[in-house]
Protein backbone atom coordinates (compact mmCIF):
# COMPACT_ATOMS: atom_id res chain seq x y z
CA UNK A 1 -15.96 2.08 0.19
CA UNK A 2 -15.63 5.73 1.15
CA UNK A 3 -13.87 4.87 4.38
CA UNK A 4 -11.43 2.64 2.52
CA UNK A 5 -10.56 5.42 0.08
CA UNK A 6 -10.24 7.92 2.93
CA UNK A 7 -7.93 5.53 4.78
CA UNK A 8 -5.74 5.06 1.70
CA UNK A 9 -5.50 8.80 1.05
CA UNK A 10 -4.68 9.65 4.64
CA UNK A 11 -2.01 6.93 4.71
CA UNK A 12 -0.33 8.34 1.60
CA UNK A 13 -0.38 11.84 3.05
CA UNK A 14 1.27 10.68 6.26
CA UNK A 15 3.78 8.46 4.47
CA UNK A 16 4.80 11.14 1.98
CA UNK A 17 5.73 13.57 4.76
CA UNK A 18 7.62 10.85 6.62
CA UNK A 19 9.80 10.09 3.60
CA UNK A 20 10.46 13.75 2.84
CA UNK A 21 13.04 14.22 5.56
CA UNK A 22 15.07 17.40 5.46
CA UNK A 23 18.66 16.30 5.02
CA UNK A 24 20.11 19.79 4.83
CA UNK A 25 21.93 21.50 1.98
CA UNK A 26 23.97 19.55 -0.54
CA UNK A 27 27.72 19.46 -0.17
CA UNK A 28 29.57 21.89 -2.42
CA UNK A 29 31.30 20.28 -5.39
CA UNK A 30 29.68 16.88 -4.89
CA UNK A 31 27.21 15.26 -7.29
CA UNK A 32 23.57 15.73 -6.33
CA UNK A 33 22.70 12.05 -6.75
CA UNK A 34 20.05 12.52 -9.43
CA UNK A 35 21.13 9.42 -11.32
CA UNK A 36 20.84 7.23 -8.23
CA UNK A 37 17.41 8.66 -7.46
CA UNK A 38 16.18 7.98 -10.98
CA UNK A 39 17.26 4.36 -10.84
CA UNK A 40 15.05 3.53 -7.86
CA UNK A 41 11.74 4.99 -9.02
CA UNK A 42 10.59 1.96 -11.04
CA UNK A 43 10.47 -0.24 -7.97
CA UNK A 44 8.44 2.28 -5.98
CA UNK A 45 6.02 2.71 -8.87
CA UNK A 46 5.48 -1.04 -9.07
CA UNK A 47 4.94 -1.26 -5.32
CA UNK A 48 2.43 1.60 -5.48
CA UNK A 49 0.52 0.02 -8.37
CA UNK A 50 0.47 -3.30 -6.53
CA UNK A 51 -0.90 -1.63 -3.40
CA UNK A 52 -3.64 0.11 -5.36
CA UNK A 53 -4.61 -3.12 -7.11
CA UNK A 54 -4.63 -4.96 -3.78
CA UNK A 55 -6.84 -2.35 -2.14
CA UNK A 56 -9.21 -2.41 -5.13
CA UNK A 57 -9.38 -6.21 -5.00
CA UNK A 58 -10.17 -6.20 -1.29
CA UNK A 59 -12.79 -3.48 -1.74
CA UNK A 60 -14.36 -5.31 -4.67
CA UNK A 61 -14.54 -8.62 -2.88
CA UNK A 62 -16.00 -7.17 0.29
CA UNK A 63 -18.51 -4.98 -1.54
CA UNK A 64 -20.72 -7.84 -2.77
CA UNK A 65 -24.47 -7.39 -2.94
CA UNK A 66 -25.07 -10.46 -0.87
CA UNK A 67 -23.96 -14.00 -1.36
CA UNK A 68 -25.96 -16.98 -2.46
CA UNK A 69 -29.06 -17.60 -0.40
CA UNK A 70 -28.56 -20.43 2.04
CA UNK A 71 -31.47 -22.87 2.16
CA UNK A 72 -33.23 -23.15 5.48
CA UNK A 73 -33.24 -26.67 6.88
CA UNK A 74 -36.60 -28.42 6.92
CA UNK A 75 -37.83 -29.39 10.36
CA UNK A 76 -39.83 -32.50 10.95
CA UNK A 77 -42.90 -31.92 13.13
CA UNK A 78 -44.47 -34.93 14.74
CA UNK A 79 -47.87 -34.84 16.32
CA UNK A 80 -49.48 -37.38 18.58
CA UNK A 81 -53.17 -37.82 19.14
CA UNK A 82 -54.46 -39.35 22.31
């Protein structure tokens, strides 16, 4: 479980720096694009929540305390007397 959390955290750290590209200064007299940026956040939030739920579901299903005990097959032993 710890390794799964560490993997998720390291992935978000790497991904956040990859998406934070330096595009340079804004053009003078042009709109900054705040409205367009605000419109797209809901989709990213939903994707992030879905990823967290998926990771939690995988971790929960693989973290079982053992499955049902499988019965051992009975072996027939035959003896012969001479």
